[in-house]
ModelCIF file with pLDDT and N, C-alpha, C, O atoms, coordinates in Angstrom:
data_MODEL
#
_entry.id   MODEL 
#
_entity.id                         1 
_entity.type                       polymer 
_entity.pdbx_number_of_molecules   1 
#
_entity_poly.entity_id                      1 
_entity_poly.type                           'polypeptide(L)' 
_entity_poly.nstd_linkage                   no 
_entity_poly.nstd_monomer                   no 
_entity_poly.pdbx_seq_one_letter_code       EGLEYARRAVQHIIDAGHYPAKLICTTDRTEVLPGADGVLSMLMAQP 
_entity_poly.pdbx_seq_one_letter_code_can   EGLEYARRAVQHIIDAGHYPAKLICTTDRTEVLPGADGVLSMLMAQP 
_entity_poly.pdbx_strand_id                 A 
#
loop_
_entity_poly_seq.entity_id 
_entity_poly_seq.num 
_entity_poly_seq.mon_id 
_entity_poly_seq.hetero 
1 1  GLU n 
1 2  GLY n 
1 3  LEU n 
1 4  GLU n 
1 5  TYR n 
1 6  ALA n 
1 7  ARG n 
1 8  ARG n 
1 9  ALA n 
1 10 VAL n 
1 11 GLN n 
1 12 HIS n 
1 13 ILE n 
1 14 ILE n 
1 15 ASP n 
1 16 ALA n 
1 17 GLY n 
1 18 HIS n 
1 19 TYR n 
1 20 PRO n 
1 21 ALA n 
1 22 LYS n 
1 23 LEU n 
1 24 ILE n 
1 25 CYS n 
1 26 THR n 
1 27 THR n 
1 28 ASP n 
1 29 ARG n 
1 30 THR n 
1 31 GLU n 
1 32 VAL n 
1 33 LEU n 
1 34 PRO n 
1 35 GLY n 
1 36 ALA n 
1 37 ASP n 
1 38 GLY n 
1 39 VAL n 
1 40 LEU n 
1 41 SER n 
1 42 MET n 
1 43 LEU n 
1 44 MET n 
1 45 ALA n 
1 46 GLN n 
1 47 PRO n 
#
_struct_asym.id          A 
_struct_asym.entity_id   1 
#
loop_
_ma_qa_metric.id 
_ma_qa_metric.mode 
_ma_qa_metric.name 
_ma_qa_metric.software_group_id 
_ma_qa_metric.type 
1 global pLDDT . pLDDT 
2 local  pLDDT . pLDDT 
#
_ma_qa_metric_global.metric_id      1 
_ma_qa_metric_global.metric_value   94.64 
_ma_qa_metric_global.model_id       1 
_ma_qa_metric_global.ordinal_id     1 
#
loop_
_ma_qa_metric_local.label_asym_id 
_ma_qa_metric_local.label_comp_id 
_ma_qa_metric_local.label_seq_id 
_ma_qa_metric_local.metric_id 
_ma_qa_metric_local.metric_value 
_ma_qa_metric_local.model_id 
_ma_qa_metric_local.ordinal_id 
A GLU 1  2 94.00 1 1  
A GLY 2  2 93.00 1 2  
A LEU 3  2 95.00 1 3  
A GLU 4  2 96.00 1 4  
A TYR 5  2 95.00 1 5  
A ALA 6  2 95.00 1 6  
A ARG 7  2 96.00 1 7  
A ARG 8  2 96.00 1 8  
A ALA 9  2 96.00 1 9  
A VAL 10 2 97.00 1 10 
A GLN 11 2 97.00 1 11 
A HIS 12 2 97.00 1 12 
A ILE 13 2 97.00 1 13 
A ILE 14 2 97.00 1 14 
A ASP 15 2 97.00 1 15 
A ALA 16 2 96.00 1 16 
A GLY 17 2 96.00 1 17 
A HIS 18 2 97.00 1 18 
A TYR 19 2 97.00 1 19 
A PRO 20 2 97.00 1 20 
A ALA 21 2 98.00 1 21 
A LYS 22 2 97.00 1 22 
A LEU 23 2 98.00 1 23 
A ILE 24 2 97.00 1 24 
A CYS 25 2 97.00 1 25 
A THR 26 2 97.00 1 26 
A THR 27 2 97.00 1 27 
A ASP 28 2 97.00 1 28 
A ARG 29 2 97.00 1 29 
A THR 30 2 97.00 1 30 
A GLU 31 2 97.00 1 31 
A VAL 32 2 98.00 1 32 
A LEU 33 2 98.00 1 33 
A PRO 34 2 97.00 1 34 
A GLY 35 2 96.00 1 35 
A ALA 36 2 97.00 1 36 
A ASP 37 2 95.00 1 37 
A GLY 38 2 94.00 1 38 
A VAL 39 2 95.00 1 39 
A LEU 40 2 94.00 1 40 
A SER 41 2 92.00 1 41 
A MET 42 2 90.00 1 42 
A LEU 43 2 90.00 1 43 
A MET 44 2 85.00 1 44 
A ALA 45 2 84.00 1 45 
A GLN 46 2 77.00 1 46 
A PRO 47 2 76.00 1 47 
#
loop_
_atom_site.group_PDB 
_atom_site.id 
_atom_site.type_symbol 
_atom_site.label_atom_id 
_atom_site.label_alt_id 
_atom_site.label_comp_id 
_atom_site.label_asym_id 
_atom_site.label_entity_id 
_atom_site.label_seq_id 
_atom_site.pdbx_PDB_ins_code 
_atom_site.Cartn_x 
_atom_site.Cartn_y 
_atom_site.Cartn_z 
_atom_site.occupancy 
_atom_site.B_iso_or_equiv 
_atom_site.pdbx_formal_charge 
_atom_site.auth_seq_id 
_atom_site.auth_comp_id 
_atom_site.auth_asym_id 
_atom_site.auth_atom_id 
_atom_site.pdbx_PDB_model_num 
ATOM 1   N N  . GLU A 1 1  ? -5.450  25.790 -0.426  1.00 94.00 ? 1  GLU A N  1 
ATOM 2   C CA . GLU A 1 1  ? -4.557  24.813 -1.055  1.00 94.00 ? 1  GLU A CA 1 
ATOM 3   C C  . GLU A 1 1  ? -5.143  23.397 -0.949  1.00 94.00 ? 1  GLU A C  1 
ATOM 4   O O  . GLU A 1 1  ? -5.229  22.679 -1.945  1.00 94.00 ? 1  GLU A O  1 
ATOM 5   N N  . GLY A 1 2  ? -5.540  23.009 0.259   1.00 93.00 ? 2  GLY A N  1 
ATOM 6   C CA . GLY A 1 2  ? -6.121  21.673 0.389   1.00 93.00 ? 2  GLY A CA 1 
ATOM 7   C C  . GLY A 1 2  ? -7.356  21.527 -0.443  1.00 93.00 ? 2  GLY A C  1 
ATOM 8   O O  . GLY A 1 2  ? -7.574  20.465 -1.026  1.00 93.00 ? 2  GLY A O  1 
ATOM 9   N N  . LEU A 1 3  ? -8.178  22.549 -0.526  1.00 95.00 ? 3  LEU A N  1 
ATOM 10  C CA . LEU A 1 3  ? -9.468  22.519 -1.280  1.00 95.00 ? 3  LEU A CA 1 
ATOM 11  C C  . LEU A 1 3  ? -9.134  22.320 -2.779  1.00 95.00 ? 3  LEU A C  1 
ATOM 12  O O  . LEU A 1 3  ? -9.838  21.569 -3.455  1.00 95.00 ? 3  LEU A O  1 
ATOM 13  N N  . GLU A 1 4  ? -8.115  22.951 -3.296  1.00 96.00 ? 4  GLU A N  1 
ATOM 14  C CA . GLU A 1 4  ? -7.753  22.799 -4.667  1.00 96.00 ? 4  GLU A CA 1 
ATOM 15  C C  . GLU A 1 4  ? -7.233  21.417 -4.964  1.00 96.00 ? 4  GLU A C  1 
ATOM 16  O O  . GLU A 1 4  ? -7.529  20.847 -6.014  1.00 96.00 ? 4  GLU A O  1 
ATOM 17  N N  . TYR A 1 5  ? -6.452  20.869 -4.036  1.00 95.00 ? 5  TYR A N  1 
ATOM 18  C CA . TYR A 1 5  ? -6.044  19.474 -4.162  1.00 95.00 ? 5  TYR A CA 1 
ATOM 19  C C  . TYR A 1 5  ? -7.212  18.508 -4.268  1.00 95.00 ? 5  TYR A C  1 
ATOM 20  O O  . TYR A 1 5  ? -7.254  17.609 -5.108  1.00 95.00 ? 5  TYR A O  1 
ATOM 21  N N  . ALA A 1 6  ? -8.158  18.747 -3.365  1.00 95.00 ? 6  ALA A N  1 
ATOM 22  C CA . ALA A 1 6  ? -9.437  17.895 -3.357  1.00 95.00 ? 6  ALA A CA 1 
ATOM 23  C C  . ALA A 1 6  ? -10.209 18.089 -4.680  1.00 95.00 ? 6  ALA A C  1 
ATOM 24  O O  . ALA A 1 6  ? -10.731 17.135 -5.256  1.00 95.00 ? 6  ALA A O  1 
ATOM 25  N N  . ARG A 1 7  ? -10.264 19.342 -5.136  1.00 96.00 ? 7  ARG A N  1 
ATOM 26  C CA . ARG A 1 7  ? -11.039 19.590 -6.406  1.00 96.00 ? 7  ARG A CA 1 
ATOM 27  C C  . ARG A 1 7  ? -10.420 18.849 -7.560  1.00 96.00 ? 7  ARG A C  1 
ATOM 28  O O  . ARG A 1 7  ? -11.146 18.256 -8.358  1.00 96.00 ? 7  ARG A O  1 
ATOM 29  N N  . ARG A 1 8  ? -9.131  18.855 -7.684  1.00 96.00 ? 8  ARG A N  1 
ATOM 30  C CA . ARG A 1 8  ? -8.520  18.135 -8.830  1.00 96.00 ? 8  ARG A CA 1 
ATOM 31  C C  . ARG A 1 8  ? -8.778  16.644 -8.650  1.00 96.00 ? 8  ARG A C  1 
ATOM 32  O O  . ARG A 1 8  ? -9.088  15.968 -9.630  1.00 96.00 ? 8  ARG A O  1 
ATOM 33  N N  . ALA A 1 9  ? -8.661  16.098 -7.425  1.00 96.00 ? 9  ALA A N  1 
ATOM 34  C CA . ALA A 1 9  ? -8.822  14.670 -7.257  1.00 96.00 ? 9  ALA A CA 1 
ATOM 35  C C  . ALA A 1 9  ? -10.257 14.231 -7.550  1.00 96.00 ? 9  ALA A C  1 
ATOM 36  O O  . ALA A 1 9  ? -10.494 13.191 -8.165  1.00 96.00 ? 9  ALA A O  1 
ATOM 37  N N  . VAL A 1 10 ? -11.165 15.014 -7.115  1.00 97.00 ? 10 VAL A N  1 
ATOM 38  C CA . VAL A 1 10 ? -12.620 14.704 -7.333  1.00 97.00 ? 10 VAL A CA 1 
ATOM 39  C C  . VAL A 1 10 ? -13.023 14.879 -8.837  1.00 97.00 ? 10 VAL A C  1 
ATOM 40  O O  . VAL A 1 10 ? -13.780 14.086 -9.396  1.00 97.00 ? 10 VAL A O  1 
ATOM 41  N N  . GLN A 1 11 ? -12.516 15.874 -9.402  1.00 97.00 ? 11 GLN A N  1 
ATOM 42  C CA . GLN A 1 11 ? -12.725 16.127 -10.892 1.00 97.00 ? 11 GLN A CA 1 
ATOM 43  C C  . GLN A 1 11 ? -12.213 15.005 -11.678 1.00 97.00 ? 11 GLN A C  1 
ATOM 44  O O  . GLN A 1 11 ? -12.839 14.565 -12.642 1.00 97.00 ? 11 GLN A O  1 
ATOM 45  N N  . HIS A 1 12 ? -11.066 14.521 -11.283 1.00 97.00 ? 12 HIS A N  1 
ATOM 46  C CA . HIS A 1 12 ? -10.473 13.350 -11.981 1.00 97.00 ? 12 HIS A CA 1 
ATOM 47  C C  . HIS A 1 12 ? -11.408 12.134 -11.859 1.00 97.00 ? 12 HIS A C  1 
ATOM 48  O O  . HIS A 1 12 ? -11.613 11.408 -12.833 1.00 97.00 ? 12 HIS A O  1 
ATOM 49  N N  . ILE A 1 13 ? -11.972 11.916 -10.665 1.00 97.00 ? 13 ILE A N  1 
ATOM 50  C CA . ILE A 1 13 ? -12.864 10.766 -10.483 1.00 97.00 ? 13 ILE A CA 1 
ATOM 51  C C  . ILE A 1 13 ? -14.113 10.867 -11.371 1.00 97.00 ? 13 ILE A C  1 
ATOM 52  O O  . ILE A 1 13 ? -14.560 9.891  -11.972 1.00 97.00 ? 13 ILE A O  1 
ATOM 53  N N  . ILE A 1 14 ? -14.672 12.134 -11.428 1.00 97.00 ? 14 ILE A N  1 
ATOM 54  C CA . ILE A 1 14 ? -15.835 12.410 -12.220 1.00 97.00 ? 14 ILE A CA 1 
ATOM 55  C C  . ILE A 1 14 ? -15.526 12.166 -13.698 1.00 97.00 ? 14 ILE A C  1 
ATOM 56  O O  . ILE A 1 14 ? -16.295 11.502 -14.394 1.00 97.00 ? 14 ILE A O  1 
ATOM 57  N N  . ASP A 1 15 ? -14.421 12.692 -14.166 1.00 97.00 ? 15 ASP A N  1 
ATOM 58  C CA . ASP A 1 15 ? -14.032 12.559 -15.557 1.00 97.00 ? 15 ASP A CA 1 
ATOM 59  C C  . ASP A 1 15 ? -13.780 11.113 -15.929 1.00 97.00 ? 15 ASP A C  1 
ATOM 60  O O  . ASP A 1 15 ? -14.261 10.632 -16.955 1.00 97.00 ? 15 ASP A O  1 
ATOM 61  N N  . ALA A 1 16 ? -13.015 10.414 -15.081 1.00 96.00 ? 16 ALA A N  1 
ATOM 62  C CA . ALA A 1 16 ? -12.659 8.985  -15.394 1.00 96.00 ? 16 ALA A CA 1 
ATOM 63  C C  . ALA A 1 16 ? -13.886 8.129  -15.441 1.00 96.00 ? 16 ALA A C  1 
ATOM 64  O O  . ALA A 1 16 ? -13.952 7.186  -16.230 1.00 96.00 ? 16 ALA A O  1 
ATOM 65  N N  . GLY A 1 17 ? -14.875 8.431  -14.606 1.00 96.00 ? 17 GLY A N  1 
ATOM 66  C CA . GLY A 1 17 ? -16.118 7.598  -14.524 1.00 96.00 ? 17 GLY A CA 1 
ATOM 67  C C  . GLY A 1 17 ? -17.169 8.060  -15.469 1.00 96.00 ? 17 GLY A C  1 
ATOM 68  O O  . GLY A 1 17 ? -18.208 7.412  -15.594 1.00 96.00 ? 17 GLY A O  1 
ATOM 69  N N  . HIS A 1 18 ? -16.945 9.156  -16.143 1.00 97.00 ? 18 HIS A N  1 
ATOM 70  C CA . HIS A 1 18 ? -17.969 9.774  -17.056 1.00 97.00 ? 18 HIS A CA 1 
ATOM 71  C C  . HIS A 1 18 ? -19.287 9.985  -16.320 1.00 97.00 ? 18 HIS A C  1 
ATOM 72  O O  . HIS A 1 18 ? -20.369 9.728  -16.848 1.00 97.00 ? 18 HIS A O  1 
ATOM 73  N N  . TYR A 1 19 ? -19.163 10.454 -15.102 1.00 97.00 ? 19 TYR A N  1 
ATOM 74  C CA . TYR A 1 19 ? -20.356 10.705 -14.267 1.00 97.00 ? 19 TYR A CA 1 
ATOM 75  C C  . TYR A 1 19 ? -20.986 12.071 -14.657 1.00 97.00 ? 19 TYR A C  1 
ATOM 76  O O  . TYR A 1 19 ? -20.248 13.004 -14.974 1.00 97.00 ? 19 TYR A O  1 
ATOM 77  N N  . PRO A 1 20 ? -22.298 12.203 -14.639 1.00 97.00 ? 20 PRO A N  1 
ATOM 78  C CA . PRO A 1 20 ? -22.951 13.464 -14.911 1.00 97.00 ? 20 PRO A CA 1 
ATOM 79  C C  . PRO A 1 20 ? -23.028 14.328 -13.609 1.00 97.00 ? 20 PRO A C  1 
ATOM 80  O O  . PRO A 1 20 ? -23.927 15.159 -13.476 1.00 97.00 ? 20 PRO A O  1 
ATOM 81  N N  . ALA A 1 21 ? -22.137 14.136 -12.712 1.00 98.00 ? 21 ALA A N  1 
ATOM 82  C CA . ALA A 1 21 ? -22.144 14.861 -11.381 1.00 98.00 ? 21 ALA A CA 1 
ATOM 83  C C  . ALA A 1 21 ? -21.676 16.267 -11.590 1.00 98.00 ? 21 ALA A C  1 
ATOM 84  O O  . ALA A 1 21 ? -20.985 16.592 -12.555 1.00 98.00 ? 21 ALA A O  1 
ATOM 85  N N  . LYS A 1 22 ? -22.075 17.088 -10.658 1.00 97.00 ? 22 LYS A N  1 
ATOM 86  C CA . LYS A 1 22 ? -21.690 18.561 -10.635 1.00 97.00 ? 22 LYS A CA 1 
ATOM 87  C C  . LYS A 1 22 ? -20.773 18.751 -9.456  1.00 97.00 ? 22 LYS A C  1 
ATOM 88  O O  . LYS A 1 22 ? -21.057 18.222 -8.381  1.00 97.00 ? 22 LYS A O  1 
ATOM 89  N N  . LEU A 1 23 ? -19.705 19.467 -9.603  1.00 98.00 ? 23 LEU A N  1 
ATOM 90  C CA . LEU A 1 23 ? -18.685 19.764 -8.553  1.00 98.00 ? 23 LEU A CA 1 
ATOM 91  C C  . LEU A 1 23 ? -18.719 21.221 -8.185  1.00 98.00 ? 23 LEU A C  1 
ATOM 92  O O  . LEU A 1 23 ? -18.656 22.085 -9.059  1.00 98.00 ? 23 LEU A O  1 
ATOM 93  N N  . ILE A 1 24 ? -18.816 21.504 -6.934  1.00 97.00 ? 24 ILE A N  1 
ATOM 94  C CA . ILE A 1 24 ? -18.759 22.852 -6.387  1.00 97.00 ? 24 ILE A CA 1 
ATOM 95  C C  . ILE A 1 24 ? -17.669 22.918 -5.274  1.00 97.00 ? 24 ILE A C  1 
ATOM 96  O O  . ILE A 1 24 ? -17.560 21.990 -4.472  1.00 97.00 ? 24 ILE A O  1 
ATOM 97  N N  . CYS A 1 25 ? -16.898 23.966 -5.228  1.00 97.00 ? 25 CYS A N  1 
ATOM 98  C CA . CYS A 1 25 ? -15.913 24.118 -4.211  1.00 97.00 ? 25 CYS A CA 1 
ATOM 99  C C  . CYS A 1 25 ? -15.955 25.450 -3.574  1.00 97.00 ? 25 CYS A C  1 
ATOM 100 O O  . CYS A 1 25 ? -16.105 26.435 -4.296  1.00 97.00 ? 25 CYS A O  1 
ATOM 101 N N  . THR A 1 26 ? -15.840 25.579 -2.309  1.00 97.00 ? 26 THR A N  1 
ATOM 102 C CA . THR A 1 26 ? -15.931 26.860 -1.558  1.00 97.00 ? 26 THR A CA 1 
ATOM 103 C C  . THR A 1 26 ? -15.261 26.757 -0.234  1.00 97.00 ? 26 THR A C  1 
ATOM 104 O O  . THR A 1 26 ? -15.110 25.672 0.329   1.00 97.00 ? 26 THR A O  1 
ATOM 105 N N  . THR A 1 27 ? -14.859 27.897 0.262   1.00 97.00 ? 27 THR A N  1 
ATOM 106 C CA . THR A 1 27 ? -14.328 27.957 1.641   1.00 97.00 ? 27 THR A CA 1 
ATOM 107 C C  . THR A 1 27 ? -15.414 28.350 2.646   1.00 97.00 ? 27 THR A C  1 
ATOM 108 O O  . THR A 1 27 ? -15.119 28.452 3.836   1.00 97.00 ? 27 THR A O  1 
ATOM 109 N N  . ASP A 1 28 ? -16.607 28.564 2.230   1.00 97.00 ? 28 ASP A N  1 
ATOM 110 C CA . ASP A 1 28 ? -17.691 29.044 3.069   1.00 97.00 ? 28 ASP A CA 1 
ATOM 111 C C  . ASP A 1 28 ? -18.878 28.006 2.972   1.00 97.00 ? 28 ASP A C  1 
ATOM 112 O O  . ASP A 1 28 ? -19.607 27.991 1.980   1.00 97.00 ? 28 ASP A O  1 
ATOM 113 N N  . ARG A 1 29 ? -19.041 27.184 3.975   1.00 97.00 ? 29 ARG A N  1 
ATOM 114 C CA . ARG A 1 29 ? -20.044 26.138 3.946   1.00 97.00 ? 29 ARG A CA 1 
ATOM 115 C C  . ARG A 1 29 ? -21.450 26.664 3.788   1.00 97.00 ? 29 ARG A C  1 
ATOM 116 O O  . ARG A 1 29 ? -22.296 25.962 3.234   1.00 97.00 ? 29 ARG A O  1 
ATOM 117 N N  . THR A 1 30 ? -21.748 27.903 4.261   1.00 97.00 ? 30 THR A N  1 
ATOM 118 C CA . THR A 1 30 ? -23.126 28.379 4.197   1.00 97.00 ? 30 THR A CA 1 
ATOM 119 C C  . THR A 1 30 ? -23.515 28.673 2.777   1.00 97.00 ? 30 THR A C  1 
ATOM 120 O O  . THR A 1 30 ? -24.694 28.910 2.516   1.00 97.00 ? 30 THR A O  1 
ATOM 121 N N  . GLU A 1 31 ? -22.573 28.674 1.824   1.00 97.00 ? 31 GLU A N  1 
ATOM 122 C CA . GLU A 1 31 ? -22.910 28.891 0.420   1.00 97.00 ? 31 GLU A CA 1 
ATOM 123 C C  . GLU A 1 31 ? -23.530 27.605 -0.198  1.00 97.00 ? 31 GLU A C  1 
ATOM 124 O O  . GLU A 1 31 ? -24.296 27.676 -1.159  1.00 97.00 ? 31 GLU A O  1 
ATOM 125 N N  . VAL A 1 32 ? -23.198 26.497 0.347   1.00 98.00 ? 32 VAL A N  1 
ATOM 126 C CA . VAL A 1 32 ? -23.537 25.203 -0.248  1.00 98.00 ? 32 VAL A CA 1 
ATOM 127 C C  . VAL A 1 32 ? -24.461 24.306 0.574   1.00 98.00 ? 32 VAL A C  1 
ATOM 128 O O  . VAL A 1 32 ? -25.006 23.329 0.059   1.00 98.00 ? 32 VAL A O  1 
ATOM 129 N N  . LEU A 1 33 ? -24.634 24.641 1.850   1.00 98.00 ? 33 LEU A N  1 
ATOM 130 C CA . LEU A 1 33 ? -25.537 23.809 2.701   1.00 98.00 ? 33 LEU A CA 1 
ATOM 131 C C  . LEU A 1 33 ? -26.986 23.878 2.310   1.00 98.00 ? 33 LEU A C  1 
ATOM 132 O O  . LEU A 1 33 ? -27.645 22.843 2.408   1.00 98.00 ? 33 LEU A O  1 
ATOM 133 N N  . PRO A 1 34 ? -27.566 24.994 1.872   1.00 97.00 ? 34 PRO A N  1 
ATOM 134 C CA . PRO A 1 34 ? -28.973 24.992 1.516   1.00 97.00 ? 34 PRO A CA 1 
ATOM 135 C C  . PRO A 1 34 ? -29.294 23.932 0.451   1.00 97.00 ? 34 PRO A C  1 
ATOM 136 O O  . PRO A 1 34 ? -28.657 23.856 -0.600  1.00 97.00 ? 34 PRO A O  1 
ATOM 137 N N  . GLY A 1 35 ? -30.286 23.139 0.761   1.00 96.00 ? 35 GLY A N  1 
ATOM 138 C CA . GLY A 1 35 ? -30.704 22.075 -0.150  1.00 96.00 ? 35 GLY A CA 1 
ATOM 139 C C  . GLY A 1 35 ? -29.905 20.789 -0.085  1.00 96.00 ? 35 GLY A C  1 
ATOM 140 O O  . GLY A 1 35 ? -30.128 19.884 -0.890  1.00 96.00 ? 35 GLY A O  1 
ATOM 141 N N  . ALA A 1 36 ? -28.969 20.690 0.867   1.00 97.00 ? 36 ALA A N  1 
ATOM 142 C CA . ALA A 1 36 ? -28.148 19.436 1.009   1.00 97.00 ? 36 ALA A CA 1 
ATOM 143 C C  . ALA A 1 36 ? -29.061 18.300 1.509   1.00 97.00 ? 36 ALA A C  1 
ATOM 144 O O  . ALA A 1 36 ? -29.916 18.483 2.375   1.00 97.00 ? 36 ALA A O  1 
ATOM 145 N N  . ASP A 1 37 ? -28.827 17.111 0.909   1.00 95.00 ? 37 ASP A N  1 
ATOM 146 C CA . ASP A 1 37 ? -29.404 15.871 1.316   1.00 95.00 ? 37 ASP A CA 1 
ATOM 147 C C  . ASP A 1 37 ? -28.539 15.153 2.379   1.00 95.00 ? 37 ASP A C  1 
ATOM 148 O O  . ASP A 1 37 ? -29.031 14.475 3.282   1.00 95.00 ? 37 ASP A O  1 
ATOM 149 N N  . GLY A 1 38 ? -27.281 15.343 2.212   1.00 94.00 ? 38 GLY A N  1 
ATOM 150 C CA . GLY A 1 38 ? -26.297 14.701 3.107   1.00 94.00 ? 38 GLY A CA 1 
ATOM 151 C C  . GLY A 1 38 ? -25.135 15.635 3.396   1.00 94.00 ? 38 GLY A C  1 
ATOM 152 O O  . GLY A 1 38 ? -24.611 16.310 2.511   1.00 94.00 ? 38 GLY A O  1 
ATOM 153 N N  . VAL A 1 39 ? -24.750 15.650 4.668   1.00 95.00 ? 39 VAL A N  1 
ATOM 154 C CA . VAL A 1 39 ? -23.572 16.485 5.058   1.00 95.00 ? 39 VAL A CA 1 
ATOM 155 C C  . VAL A 1 39 ? -22.605 15.571 5.752   1.00 95.00 ? 39 VAL A C  1 
ATOM 156 O O  . VAL A 1 39 ? -22.952 14.876 6.707   1.00 95.00 ? 39 VAL A O  1 
ATOM 157 N N  . LEU A 1 40 ? -21.383 15.577 5.260   1.00 94.00 ? 40 LEU A N  1 
ATOM 158 C CA . LEU A 1 40 ? -20.315 14.638 5.780   1.00 94.00 ? 40 LEU A CA 1 
ATOM 159 C C  . LEU A 1 40 ? -19.134 15.479 6.352   1.00 94.00 ? 40 LEU A C  1 
ATOM 160 O O  . LEU A 1 40 ? -18.531 16.302 5.664   1.00 94.00 ? 40 LEU A O  1 
ATOM 161 N N  . SER A 1 41 ? -18.857 15.231 7.591   1.00 92.00 ? 41 SER A N  1 
ATOM 162 C CA . SER A 1 41 ? -17.745 15.956 8.219   1.00 92.00 ? 41 SER A CA 1 
ATOM 163 C C  . SER A 1 41 ? -16.480 15.136 8.366   1.00 92.00 ? 41 SER A C  1 
ATOM 164 O O  . SER A 1 41 ? -16.509 14.025 8.894   1.00 92.00 ? 41 SER A O  1 
ATOM 165 N N  . MET A 1 42 ? -15.348 15.696 7.888   1.00 90.00 ? 42 MET A N  1 
ATOM 166 C CA . MET A 1 42 ? -14.059 15.007 8.077   1.00 90.00 ? 42 MET A CA 1 
ATOM 167 C C  . MET A 1 42 ? -13.019 16.078 8.441   1.00 90.00 ? 42 MET A C  1 
ATOM 168 O O  . MET A 1 42 ? -11.849 15.950 8.081   1.00 90.00 ? 42 MET A O  1 
ATOM 169 N N  . LEU A 1 43 ? -13.425 17.088 9.122   1.00 90.00 ? 43 LEU A N  1 
ATOM 170 C CA . LEU A 1 43 ? -12.571 18.219 9.423   1.00 90.00 ? 43 LEU A CA 1 
ATOM 171 C C  . LEU A 1 43 ? -11.534 17.930 10.507  1.00 90.00 ? 43 LEU A C  1 
ATOM 172 O O  . LEU A 1 43 ? -11.686 16.991 11.289  1.00 90.00 ? 43 LEU A O  1 
ATOM 173 N N  . MET A 1 44 ? -10.501 18.732 10.545  1.00 85.00 ? 44 MET A N  1 
ATOM 174 C CA . MET A 1 44 ? -9.518  18.789 11.609  1.00 85.00 ? 44 MET A CA 1 
ATOM 175 C C  . MET A 1 44 ? -9.445  20.148 12.152  1.00 85.00 ? 44 MET A C  1 
ATOM 176 O O  . MET A 1 44 ? -9.084  21.076 11.427  1.00 85.00 ? 44 MET A O  1 
ATOM 177 N N  . ALA A 1 45 ? -9.773  20.331 13.409  1.00 84.00 ? 45 ALA A N  1 
ATOM 178 C CA . ALA A 1 45 ? -9.933  21.672 13.974  1.00 84.00 ? 45 ALA A CA 1 
ATOM 179 C C  . ALA A 1 45 ? -8.626  22.466 14.115  1.00 84.00 ? 45 ALA A C  1 
ATOM 180 O O  . ALA A 1 45 ? -8.630  23.697 14.093  1.00 84.00 ? 45 ALA A O  1 
ATOM 181 N N  . GLN A 1 46 ? -7.507  21.738 14.259  1.00 77.00 ? 46 GLN A N  1 
ATOM 182 C CA . GLN A 1 46 ? -6.238  22.351 14.424  1.00 77.00 ? 46 GLN A CA 1 
ATOM 183 C C  . GLN A 1 46 ? -5.179  21.713 13.518  1.00 77.00 ? 46 GLN A C  1 
ATOM 184 O O  . GLN A 1 46 ? -5.389  20.602 13.032  1.00 77.00 ? 46 GLN A O  1 
ATOM 185 N N  . PRO A 1 47 ? -4.018  22.405 13.273  1.00 76.00 ? 47 PRO A N  1 
ATOM 186 C CA . PRO A 1 47 ? -3.046  21.818 12.426  1.00 76.00 ? 47 PRO A CA 1 
ATOM 187 C C  . PRO A 1 47 ? -2.478  20.490 12.997  1.00 76.00 ? 47 PRO A C  1 
ATOM 188 O O  . PRO A 1 47 ? -1.623  19.864 12.371  1.00 76.00 ? 47 PRO A O  1 
#
């Protein structure tokens, strides 16, 4: 649910700015870490 909220917000930023960026969303970080230039953590471990 939080991921979908973030997806909509980021997609809105990309569309509004007409950026040629690509957006990927996943619940499994190992799917997207390969090839990363930067990794940013803002997680909360518990509710």
